Protein backbone atom coordinates (compact mmCIF):
# COMPACT_ATOMS: atom_id res chain seq x y z
CA MET A 1 -62.66 -0.89 -6.61
CA GLU A 2 -62.38 -4.68 -6.37
CA ASP A 3 -65.73 -5.08 -8.09
CA ARG A 4 -64.57 -2.94 -10.99
CA LEU A 5 -61.21 -4.69 -11.22
CA GLU A 6 -62.68 -8.20 -11.33
CA PRO A 7 -64.00 -8.00 -14.92
CA LEU A 8 -60.70 -6.45 -16.05
CA LEU A 9 -58.77 -9.36 -14.56
CA THR A 10 -60.98 -12.00 -16.18
CA ALA A 11 -61.25 -10.33 -19.60
CA HIS A 12 -59.17 -11.42 -22.58
CA PRO A 13 -57.13 -8.34 -23.59
CA TRP A 14 -56.43 -9.74 -27.04
CA ALA A 15 -60.18 -9.60 -27.76
CA LEU A 16 -60.48 -5.90 -26.89
CA SER A 17 -60.79 -3.15 -29.45
CA PRO A 18 -58.20 -0.36 -29.42
CA ASP A 19 -60.70 1.97 -27.75
CA ASP A 20 -61.41 -0.62 -25.04
CA VAL A 21 -57.68 -1.09 -24.37
CA VAL A 22 -57.24 2.66 -23.90
CA ALA A 23 -60.37 2.86 -21.72
CA ASP A 24 -59.09 0.10 -19.45
CA LEU A 25 -55.69 1.76 -19.12
CA ASP A 26 -57.41 5.03 -18.26
CA LEU A 27 -58.98 3.18 -15.34
CA LEU A 28 -55.99 1.12 -14.24
CA VAL A 29 -53.26 3.78 -14.20
CA PRO A 30 -55.12 6.21 -11.89
CA TRP A 31 -56.05 3.28 -9.65
CA LEU A 32 -52.40 2.27 -9.50
CA VAL A 33 -51.37 5.81 -8.55
CA GLN A 34 -54.07 5.94 -5.85
CA ALA A 35 -53.09 2.52 -4.54
CA GLU A 36 -49.41 3.52 -4.27
CA ALA A 37 -50.40 6.73 -2.47
CA ALA A 38 -52.36 4.69 0.06
CA LEU A 39 -49.49 2.21 0.27
CA LEU A 40 -47.00 4.96 1.12
CA ALA A 41 -49.21 6.16 3.95
CA ARG A 42 -49.22 2.64 5.42
CA VAL A 43 -45.48 2.19 4.91
CA ARG A 44 -44.98 5.38 6.92
CA GLU A 45 -46.91 3.77 9.76
CA LEU A 46 -45.04 0.49 9.28
CA VAL A 47 -41.84 2.37 10.03
CA GLY A 48 -43.24 4.68 12.68
CA GLN A 49 -44.86 1.92 14.73
CA GLY A 50 -41.81 -0.35 14.54
CA ILE A 51 -43.79 -3.24 13.08
CA ALA A 52 -40.83 -4.66 11.17
CA ARG A 53 -38.66 -4.95 14.28
CA ARG A 54 -41.60 -6.36 16.25
CA ASP A 55 -41.87 -9.15 13.67
CA GLY A 56 -38.15 -9.87 13.68
CA ALA A 57 -37.22 -8.17 10.36
CA THR A 58 -34.02 -6.13 10.16
CA SER A 59 -35.77 -3.25 8.37
CA ALA A 60 -39.09 -2.17 6.96
CA ALA A 61 -37.84 -2.85 3.42
CA VAL A 62 -36.88 -6.42 4.33
CA TRP A 63 -40.29 -6.89 5.98
CA LEU A 64 -42.01 -5.78 2.75
CA ARG A 65 -39.81 -8.06 0.66
CA ASN A 66 -40.44 -11.09 2.84
CA ARG A 67 -44.19 -10.61 3.26
CA TYR A 68 -45.10 -9.58 -0.28
CA ARG A 69 -42.23 -11.17 -2.26
CA MET A 70 -41.35 -7.87 -3.93
CA ALA A 71 -37.83 -6.95 -5.04
CA LEU A 72 -35.79 -5.37 -2.29
CA PRO A 73 -34.94 -2.21 -4.32
CA ARG A 74 -38.66 -1.61 -4.85
CA ALA A 75 -39.36 -2.07 -1.13
CA GLN A 76 -36.49 0.27 -0.27
CA ARG A 77 -37.91 2.85 -2.64
CA TYR A 78 -41.27 2.81 -0.86
CA VAL A 79 -39.59 3.23 2.53
CA ARG A 80 -37.30 5.98 1.29
CA LEU A 81 -40.10 7.92 -0.40
CA ALA A 82 -42.40 7.56 2.60
CA ALA A 83 -39.67 9.08 4.81
CA ALA A 84 -39.02 11.88 2.32
CA LEU A 85 -42.70 12.83 2.23
CA ASP A 86 -42.66 13.29 5.99
CA THR A 87 -40.47 16.39 5.57
CA ALA A 88 -41.67 17.44 2.12
CA ALA A 89 -43.70 20.57 1.45
CA THR A 90 -47.40 20.32 2.27
CA SER A 91 -48.35 20.82 -1.38
CA VAL A 92 -46.31 17.74 -2.36
CA GLN A 93 -47.78 15.62 0.44
CA ASP A 94 -51.30 16.61 -0.60
CA ALA A 95 -50.62 15.93 -4.28
CA VAL A 96 -49.41 12.42 -3.49
CA ALA A 97 -52.26 11.70 -1.08
CA THR A 98 -54.85 12.73 -3.66
CA ALA A 99 -52.98 10.92 -6.46
CA ASP A 100 -52.59 14.14 -8.43
CA ILE A 101 -48.96 13.14 -9.02
CA ASN A 102 -47.43 9.68 -9.21
CA LEU A 103 -44.46 8.43 -7.24
CA ASP A 104 -41.98 9.06 -10.06
CA GLN A 105 -43.09 12.68 -10.25
CA ALA A 106 -42.98 12.99 -6.48
CA GLU A 107 -39.37 11.78 -6.42
CA ALA A 108 -38.41 14.28 -9.11
CA ILE A 109 -40.00 17.13 -7.15
CA ILE A 110 -38.40 16.07 -3.86
CA ARG A 111 -34.96 15.87 -5.50
CA ALA A 112 -35.40 19.35 -6.94
CA LEU A 113 -36.44 20.78 -3.57
CA ASP A 114 -33.58 19.04 -1.76
CA ALA A 115 -31.12 20.62 -4.19
CA LEU A 116 -32.23 24.15 -3.30
CA PRO A 117 -29.88 26.22 -1.09
CA SER A 118 -30.25 25.35 2.60
CA ASP A 119 -30.57 29.00 3.61
CA LEU A 120 -33.48 29.65 1.27
CA GLY A 121 -36.56 31.11 2.95
CA ILE A 122 -39.54 28.88 3.78
CA GLU A 123 -41.82 31.01 1.61
CA VAL A 124 -39.65 30.63 -1.49
CA ARG A 125 -39.26 26.88 -0.93
CA ALA A 126 -43.06 26.47 -0.57
CA LEU A 127 -43.61 28.52 -3.71
CA ALA A 128 -41.16 26.32 -5.64
CA ALA A 129 -42.99 23.17 -4.44
CA LYS A 130 -46.38 24.54 -5.51
CA GLU A 131 -45.06 25.49 -8.94
CA LEU A 132 -43.54 22.04 -9.50
CA VAL A 133 -46.78 20.33 -8.44
CA ARG A 134 -48.68 22.59 -10.81
CA VAL A 135 -46.55 21.83 -13.88
CA ALA A 136 -46.43 18.11 -13.02
CA GLY A 137 -49.86 17.78 -14.61
CA ASP A 138 -48.24 18.26 -18.01
CA LEU A 139 -44.75 16.80 -17.54
CA ASP A 140 -43.24 13.33 -17.18
CA PRO A 141 -40.59 12.81 -14.46
CA HIS A 142 -37.67 13.48 -16.83
CA HIS A 143 -38.95 16.87 -17.99
CA LEU A 144 -40.09 17.65 -14.47
CA THR A 145 -36.50 17.10 -13.32
CA ILE A 146 -35.28 19.58 -15.94
CA VAL A 147 -37.77 22.18 -14.74
CA GLY A 148 -36.75 21.41 -11.14
CA GLN A 149 -33.16 22.30 -11.93
CA ARG A 150 -34.32 25.77 -13.01
CA ILE A 151 -37.19 26.26 -10.57
CA LEU A 152 -35.38 28.92 -8.56
CA HIS A 153 -34.99 31.03 -11.69
CA ILE A 154 -38.78 30.88 -12.07
CA VAL A 155 -39.90 31.66 -8.52
CA ALA A 156 -36.94 33.72 -7.23
CA PRO A 157 -34.58 34.94 -9.99
CA ASP A 158 -32.42 37.07 -7.65
CA ALA A 159 -31.82 34.19 -5.28
CA ALA A 160 -31.12 31.90 -8.25
CA ASP A 161 -28.17 33.97 -9.46
CA GLU A 162 -26.52 33.85 -6.05
CA ALA A 163 -27.27 30.13 -5.69
CA ASP A 164 -25.75 29.44 -9.11
CA ARG A 165 -22.60 31.32 -8.16
CA ARG A 166 -22.15 29.37 -4.94
CA ALA A 167 -22.97 26.08 -6.66
CA LEU A 168 -20.34 26.78 -9.31
CA GLU A 169 -17.77 27.65 -6.65
CA ARG A 170 -18.49 24.37 -4.86
CA ALA A 171 -18.30 22.43 -8.10
CA GLU A 172 -15.00 24.07 -9.08
CA ALA A 173 -13.51 23.42 -5.64
CA LYS A 174 -14.56 19.78 -5.85
CA ALA A 175 -13.11 19.50 -9.36
CA ARG A 176 -9.79 21.02 -8.24
CA GLU A 177 -9.61 18.62 -5.31
CA GLY A 178 -10.40 15.64 -7.54
CA ARG A 179 -8.09 16.50 -10.41
CA GLY A 180 -5.38 13.98 -11.21
CA PHE A 181 -3.41 12.31 -13.97
CA THR A 182 -1.80 8.88 -14.09
CA MET A 183 0.27 7.04 -16.68
CA THR A 184 0.32 3.32 -15.93
CA PRO A 185 2.53 0.98 -17.96
CA ASP A 186 0.70 -1.95 -19.47
CA PRO A 187 1.83 -5.15 -17.69
CA TYR A 188 2.38 -6.84 -21.06
CA GLY A 189 4.44 -4.01 -22.48
CA PHE A 190 1.80 -2.68 -24.88
CA GLY A 191 2.22 1.02 -24.12
CA TYR A 192 0.66 3.04 -21.32
CA ARG A 193 -2.86 3.54 -19.98
CA ILE A 194 -3.73 7.17 -19.22
CA THR A 195 -6.49 8.07 -16.77
CA GLY A 196 -7.36 11.30 -15.05
CA ARG A 197 -9.78 14.10 -14.21
CA LEU A 198 -9.57 17.78 -15.10
CA THR A 199 -11.39 20.89 -13.99
CA ASN A 200 -13.67 22.52 -16.55
CA GLU A 201 -11.04 25.19 -17.10
CA GLY A 202 -8.24 22.67 -17.48
CA ALA A 203 -10.31 20.59 -19.90
CA ALA A 204 -11.06 23.69 -21.95
CA VAL A 205 -7.35 24.49 -22.25
CA LEU A 206 -6.50 20.92 -23.26
CA ARG A 207 -9.41 20.72 -25.71
CA ALA A 208 -8.39 24.00 -27.33
CA ALA A 209 -4.86 22.64 -27.76
CA ILE A 210 -5.71 19.23 -29.20
CA ASP A 211 -8.84 19.97 -31.24
CA PRO A 212 -6.94 21.52 -34.18
CA LEU A 213 -4.61 18.51 -34.16
CA CYS A 214 -7.53 16.04 -34.23
CA ASP A 215 -8.75 17.13 -37.65
CA PRO A 216 -8.76 14.06 -39.94
CA ALA A 217 -7.92 16.34 -42.87
CA ARG A 218 -4.42 16.80 -41.43
CA LYS A 219 -3.49 13.34 -42.82
CA HIS A 220 -1.35 12.10 -39.96
CA ASP A 221 -1.73 8.39 -40.55
CA PRO A 222 1.88 7.16 -40.10
CA VAL A 223 1.25 4.07 -42.22
CA GLU A 224 -0.68 5.65 -45.09
CA PRO A 225 -0.32 9.45 -45.00
CA ALA A 226 -2.77 9.93 -47.87
CA ARG A 227 -5.60 8.44 -45.81
CA ASP A 228 -6.39 9.04 -42.17
CA GLY A 229 -7.85 5.75 -40.96
CA ARG A 230 -7.59 6.61 -37.27
CA THR A 231 -10.54 6.48 -34.92
CA ALA A 232 -11.57 9.60 -32.99
CA THR A 233 -9.90 8.31 -29.82
CA GLN A 234 -6.70 7.55 -31.74
CA ARG A 235 -6.67 11.08 -33.17
CA ARG A 236 -7.04 12.54 -29.67
CA ALA A 237 -4.19 10.38 -28.36
CA ASP A 238 -1.94 11.44 -31.24
CA ALA A 239 -2.92 15.07 -30.69
CA LEU A 240 -1.97 14.91 -27.01
CA VAL A 241 1.47 13.52 -27.91
CA GLU A 242 1.90 16.20 -30.58
CA VAL A 243 1.10 18.93 -28.05
CA GLY A 244 3.91 17.47 -25.92
CA ARG A 245 6.28 17.56 -28.89
CA LEU A 246 5.41 21.19 -29.57
CA ALA A 247 6.02 22.06 -25.92
CA LEU A 248 9.44 20.36 -25.97
CA ASN A 249 10.42 22.47 -28.96
CA THR A 250 9.90 25.69 -26.98
CA THR A 251 12.16 27.31 -24.40
CA GLU A 252 9.30 28.04 -22.01
CA LEU A 253 9.29 24.79 -20.02
CA PRO A 254 11.13 24.79 -16.67
CA ARG A 255 14.36 22.85 -16.45
CA ASN A 256 14.19 19.23 -15.37
CA GLY A 257 17.15 17.60 -13.65
CA GLY A 258 19.45 20.47 -14.62
CA ASP A 259 18.62 20.49 -18.33
CA ARG A 260 15.73 21.57 -20.48
CA PRO A 261 13.05 18.84 -20.82
CA GLN A 262 13.79 16.48 -23.66
CA ILE A 263 13.31 12.90 -24.79
CA VAL A 264 16.43 10.81 -24.31
CA VAL A 265 16.86 7.60 -26.26
CA THR A 266 19.94 5.36 -26.12
CA ILE A 267 20.56 3.92 -29.58
CA PRO A 268 23.20 1.31 -30.44
CA TYR A 269 25.17 2.22 -33.52
CA ASN A 270 23.78 -0.73 -35.51
CA VAL A 271 20.26 0.65 -35.03
CA VAL A 272 21.29 3.99 -36.47
CA LYS A 273 22.69 2.06 -39.44
CA ARG A 274 19.26 0.41 -39.87
CA GLU A 275 20.41 -2.97 -38.63
CA LEU A 276 18.67 -5.08 -36.01
CA GLY A 277 18.33 -3.75 -32.48
CA ALA A 278 16.16 -1.56 -30.29
CA GLY A 279 16.36 1.79 -28.52
CA THR A 280 15.96 2.41 -24.80
CA LEU A 281 14.22 5.48 -23.36
CA ASP A 282 15.49 7.17 -20.23
CA ASN A 283 12.78 5.48 -18.10
CA GLY A 284 13.86 2.01 -19.26
CA ASP A 285 11.09 1.46 -21.83
CA ARG A 286 12.24 -0.13 -25.08
CA VAL A 287 11.16 1.09 -28.52
CA THR A 288 11.42 -0.42 -31.98
CA PRO A 289 14.42 0.39 -34.19
CA GLU A 290 12.09 2.46 -36.39
CA SER A 291 10.90 4.54 -33.43
CA ALA A 292 14.46 4.97 -32.20
CA ARG A 293 15.62 6.22 -35.59
CA ARG A 294 12.62 8.56 -35.82
CA LEU A 295 13.46 10.05 -32.43
CA ALA A 296 17.08 10.41 -33.50
CA CYS A 297 15.91 12.23 -36.61
CA ASP A 298 13.48 14.54 -34.79
CA SER A 299 15.55 15.26 -31.66
CA ARG A 300 18.87 16.81 -30.74
CA LEU A 301 21.33 13.92 -30.53
CA LEU A 302 23.25 13.44 -27.28
CA PRO A 303 26.04 10.99 -28.25
CA ILE A 304 27.60 8.80 -25.57
CA VAL A 305 30.62 6.63 -26.35
CA PHE A 306 30.78 3.17 -24.72
CA ASP A 307 33.74 0.90 -24.03
CA GLY A 308 33.83 -2.82 -24.70
CA PRO A 309 31.87 -3.96 -21.59
CA GLY A 310 29.17 -1.42 -22.41
CA GLN A 311 30.10 1.22 -19.82
CA PRO A 312 29.87 4.86 -20.98
CA LEU A 313 33.27 6.54 -21.14
CA ASP A 314 34.09 9.78 -19.33
CA VAL A 315 32.38 12.63 -21.17
CA GLY A 316 32.85 15.27 -18.45
CA ARG A 317 34.98 18.36 -18.40
CA THR A 318 37.07 20.05 -15.75
CA ARG A 319 34.17 22.00 -14.29
CA ARG A 320 31.98 21.70 -11.20
CA LEU A 321 28.57 21.69 -12.86
CA VAL A 322 27.42 18.52 -14.60
CA THR A 323 27.02 19.02 -18.33
CA SER A 324 23.98 17.87 -20.24
CA THR A 325 25.93 15.14 -21.99
CA LEU A 326 27.48 13.90 -18.75
CA ARG A 327 24.08 13.74 -17.12
CA GLN A 328 22.81 11.58 -19.97
CA ALA A 329 25.72 9.23 -19.39
CA LEU A 330 24.78 9.07 -15.69
CA THR A 331 21.18 8.38 -16.62
CA PHE A 332 22.21 5.49 -18.82
CA ARG A 333 24.57 4.01 -16.23
CA ASP A 334 22.51 4.45 -13.02
CA GLY A 335 18.99 4.27 -14.49
CA GLY A 336 17.66 6.45 -11.67
CA CYS A 337 18.47 7.00 -8.00
CA ALA A 338 21.39 4.65 -7.34
CA PHE A 339 20.69 4.31 -3.60
CA PRO A 340 19.85 0.71 -2.61
CA GLY A 341 16.11 0.02 -2.71
CA CYS A 342 15.09 3.32 -4.32
CA ASP A 343 12.91 3.14 -7.44
CA ARG A 344 12.90 6.86 -8.29
CA GLY A 345 13.55 7.48 -11.99
CA PRO A 346 16.24 9.76 -13.40
CA ARG A 347 13.94 12.76 -13.75
CA TRP A 348 13.65 12.88 -9.94
CA THR A 349 17.40 12.79 -9.26
CA GLU A 350 20.40 15.08 -8.77
CA ALA A 351 24.02 14.43 -9.63
CA HIS A 352 26.15 13.79 -6.52
CA HIS A 353 29.95 14.02 -6.35
CA VAL A 354 31.32 10.87 -4.66
CA THR A 355 34.43 12.82 -3.63
CA PRO A 356 33.23 16.39 -3.08
CA TRP A 357 34.29 18.83 -5.74
CA ALA A 358 35.52 21.22 -3.04
CA ALA A 359 37.77 18.42 -1.77
CA GLY A 360 39.35 17.92 -5.18
CA GLY A 361 36.85 15.47 -6.65
CA PRO A 362 36.55 15.82 -10.41
CA THR A 363 33.29 16.27 -12.31
CA SER A 364 33.64 13.00 -14.17
CA LEU A 365 31.58 9.91 -14.64
CA ASP A 366 33.51 7.77 -12.16
CA ASN A 367 33.07 10.43 -9.44
CA LEU A 368 29.35 11.01 -9.91
CA THR A 369 26.13 9.18 -9.15
CA LEU A 370 22.44 9.98 -9.35
CA LEU A 371 20.49 10.39 -6.09
CA CYS A 372 16.93 11.49 -5.42
CA GLY A 373 16.45 14.45 -3.09
CA PHE A 374 15.82 12.32 -0.01
CA HIS A 375 18.84 10.05 -0.47
CA HIS A 376 21.05 12.96 -1.53
CA GLY A 377 20.38 14.49 1.87
CA LEU A 378 20.86 11.15 3.61
CA ILE A 379 24.27 10.52 2.03
CA HIS A 380 25.53 13.87 3.40
CA GLU A 381 24.64 13.02 7.02
CA PRO A 382 27.83 12.49 9.08
CA GLY A 383 28.41 8.93 10.27
CA GLY A 384 25.79 7.57 7.93
CA TRP A 385 25.81 5.91 4.52
CA THR A 386 28.84 6.28 2.28
CA VAL A 387 29.23 5.78 -1.45
CA HIS A 388 32.21 4.88 -3.61
CA THR A 389 32.75 3.89 -7.21
CA ALA A 390 33.65 0.22 -7.49
CA GLY A 391 36.17 -1.24 -9.87
CA ASP A 392 33.50 -1.93 -12.48
CA GLY A 393 32.56 1.76 -12.51
CA LEU A 394 29.24 1.40 -10.67
CA PRO A 395 28.29 3.29 -7.49
CA THR A 396 28.29 1.09 -4.39
CA PHE A 397 26.92 2.07 -0.98
CA THR A 398 28.07 1.07 2.49
CA PRO A 399 25.49 1.25 5.30
CA PRO A 400 26.26 2.57 8.80
CA HIS A 401 26.76 0.16 11.71
CA HIS A 402 23.23 0.63 13.10
CA VAL A 403 21.78 -0.54 9.75
CA ASP A 404 24.20 -3.41 9.13
CA PRO A 405 26.91 -4.23 11.72
CA ARG A 406 28.90 -5.97 8.97
CA ARG A 407 28.60 -2.92 6.71
CA THR A 408 28.09 -5.08 3.63
CA PRO A 409 28.31 -3.03 0.40
CA GLN A 410 24.99 -2.71 -1.40
CA ARG A 411 23.72 -1.64 -4.78
CA ASN A 412 20.39 -0.61 -6.23
CA ARG A 413 18.69 -3.73 -7.59
CA TYR A 414 15.98 -1.77 -9.39
CA HIS A 415 18.35 -0.16 -11.87
CA GLN A 416 21.71 -1.94 -11.50
CA PRO A 417 22.88 -5.57 -11.51
CA PRO A 418 23.50 -7.18 -8.08
CA VAL A 419 26.96 -7.11 -6.51
CA GLY A 420 29.22 -9.89 -7.68
């Protein structure tokens, strides 16, 4: 082999004819495959005999890298493939040893066999290996991988149907476990970043809902309605928001915080009159005057009247249950759970009577505060925290002695200004 390689190494390839180039490659490629087959057999012994550790290397791959100056990933591949061949089907081992298949094909076959159901019979597994070795003579590793994914349908169709069913069940269970959705505000105030994962079924439902709204022919460019200059991703984002708008217009959504789900925007009167200013959403995000006016135009208005210092006036009625309008006033005033240190937003809160309604407390703004479920329960514990409405109209909390012996009044600093 060395004698035949020597003239190839000393020749000038640029002087070869096309036929000579092909002839040389027809010699070199099979030699390379045979050499790698022989190399794998030696790597197996390198590992088995513990030569790397004997020579002070941390692993066989590191030993190969250090001795032969090869890249570590390549050395790791040799070690990994040599170990895989130890447990591979006999037909695969023989095909590699005789250089009937190259290492890339061997890896594709081993991956396909490893993906077969663990309870598959030895006979069926051996038959699948033989079939993959047979077709490898005509297929590159990529197409061999494709055939490997369907090999069970070729050698054992009945077992393949059951394996597909179980594989789909596992995939669906994994997808359900991994599903999630996050909306993260941009730190610079430029909107929100949405990330998430859906199951195949969930994605199909969402795709069916937004696809009709993604059609460029719908002309939804807000700047130039006659021309849709949006990108595909922009159309999908707009479609998702439009699906939300359509859902809010129905009566099918469950109630949220005692009222049907809706967008709440606080708009100063000068903004409505098209003067300078901005609107504030119920989660504290600010929107442009144009967006605020558009929301006011598209949505049911919930007017709240403010006094000079900017506090909402009493909009309640002589009833126990908190009205929709009164809750919006609470949302504006408290901004969320009013308990000190709590960052829960208004959608996670309940209205709490400072003086219980049963004890004569009115359902009015100065006798109500927003509390999340946890702190609503905490405030009802005897001998614990207490809440009262201060002179400026804001809820103020007094801790029990075991929390603060001085019982210094506290307020929520996430949503409200500090005391004093």
